[in-house]
C-alpha atoms as a PDB file:
ATOM      1  CA  MET A   1      11.695 -10.423   3.455  1.00  0.00           C
ATOM      2  CA  ALA A   2      12.099  -6.645   3.418  1.00  0.00           C
ATOM      3  CA  LEU A   3      12.311  -6.674  -0.375  1.00  0.00           C
ATOM      4  CA  LEU A   4       9.031  -8.597  -0.634  1.00  0.00           C
ATOM      5  CA  LEU A   5       7.321  -6.166   1.740  1.00  0.00           C
ATOM      6  CA  TRP A   6       8.653  -3.235  -0.285  1.00  0.00           C
ATOM      7  CA  ILE A   7       7.361  -4.718  -3.552  1.00  0.00           C
ATOM      8  CA  LEU A   8       3.969  -5.458  -1.972  1.00  0.00           C
ATOM      9  CA  ALA A   9       3.756  -1.902  -0.627  1.00  0.00           C
ATOM     10  CA  VAL A  10       4.559  -0.436  -4.056  1.00  0.00           C
ATOM     11  CA  ILE A  11       1.898  -2.587  -5.714  1.00  0.00           C
ATOM     12  CA  LEU A  12      -0.705  -1.566  -3.134  1.00  0.00           C
ATOM     13  CA  VAL A  13       0.077   2.148  -3.434  1.00  0.00           C
ATOM     14  CA  VAL A  14       0.087   2.084  -7.247  1.00  0.00           C
ATOM     15  CA  SER A  15      -3.226   0.217  -7.339  1.00  0.00           C
ATOM     16  CA  GLY A  16      -4.604   2.734  -4.822  1.00  0.00           C
ATOM     17  CA  ILE A  17      -3.589   5.611  -7.099  1.00  0.00           C
ATOM     18  CA  VAL A  18      -5.203   3.864 -10.076  1.00  0.00           C
ATOM     19  CA  SER A  19      -8.398   3.433  -8.035  1.00  0.00           C
ATOM     20  CA  LEU A  20      -8.371   7.139  -7.183  1.00  0.00           C
ATOM     21  CA  VAL A  21      -8.014   8.039 -10.859  1.00  0.00           C
ATOM     22  CA  ARG A  22     -10.925   5.754 -11.757  1.00  0.00           C
ATOM     23  CA  GLY A  23     -13.128   7.499  -9.207  1.00  0.00           C
ATOM     24  CA  GLN A  24     -13.157   4.892  -6.439  1.00  0.00           C
ATOM     25  CA  MET A  25     -12.110   7.247  -3.671  1.00  0.00           C
ATOM     26  CA  LEU A  26     -12.635   5.011  -0.640  1.00  0.00           C
ATOM     27  CA  MET A  27     -10.933   1.949  -2.132  1.00  0.00           C
ATOM     28  CA  GLY A  28      -7.996   4.050  -3.345  1.00  0.00           C
ATOM     29  CA  ILE A  29      -7.444   5.642   0.056  1.00  0.00           C
ATOM     30  CA  VAL A  30      -7.656   2.267   1.811  1.00  0.00           C
ATOM     31  CA  LEU A  31      -5.122   0.694  -0.579  1.00  0.00           C
ATOM     32  CA  ILE A  32      -2.685   3.580  -0.147  1.00  0.00           C
ATOM     33  CA  ILE A  33      -2.918   3.464   3.658  1.00  0.00           C
ATOM     34  CA  VAL A  34      -2.461  -0.322   3.727  1.00  0.00           C
ATOM     35  CA  GLY A  35       0.497   0.014   1.350  1.00  0.00           C
ATOM     36  CA  LEU A  36       2.135   2.549   3.633  1.00  0.00           C
ATOM     37  CA  LEU A  37       1.550   0.346   6.684  1.00  0.00           C
ATOM     38  CA  VAL A  38       2.953  -2.791   5.056  1.00  0.00           C
ATOM     39  CA  GLY A  39       6.049  -1.150   3.582  1.00  0.00           C
ATOM     40  CA  PRO A  40       9.390  -1.511   5.344  1.00  0.00           C
ATOM     41  CA  GLY A  41       9.608   2.271   5.724  1.00  0.00           C
ATOM     42  CA  GLY A  42       6.248   2.384   7.500  1.00  0.00           C
ATOM     43  CA  VAL A  43       4.858   0.558  10.457  1.00  0.00           C
ATOM     44  CA  SER A  44       5.178  -2.985   9.207  1.00  0.00           C
ATOM     45  CA  LEU A  45       2.431  -5.290  10.372  1.00  0.00           C
ATOM     46  CA  PHE A  46       4.577  -8.388   9.913  1.00  0.00           C
ATOM     47  CA  THR A  47       7.480  -7.480  12.221  1.00  0.00           C
ATOM     48  CA  LYS A  48       5.504  -7.115  15.455  1.00  0.00           C
END
């Protein structure tokens, strides 16, 4: 389960960075924050 959360977090953060590069500031910031929250190193929403 931790591996799946890690992969999901990486995908969210990378897509957030791509959104920032494309000029979608709000969407990019939201994706990066959600990716950091979901990741096993962050505050995981699925383990509470």
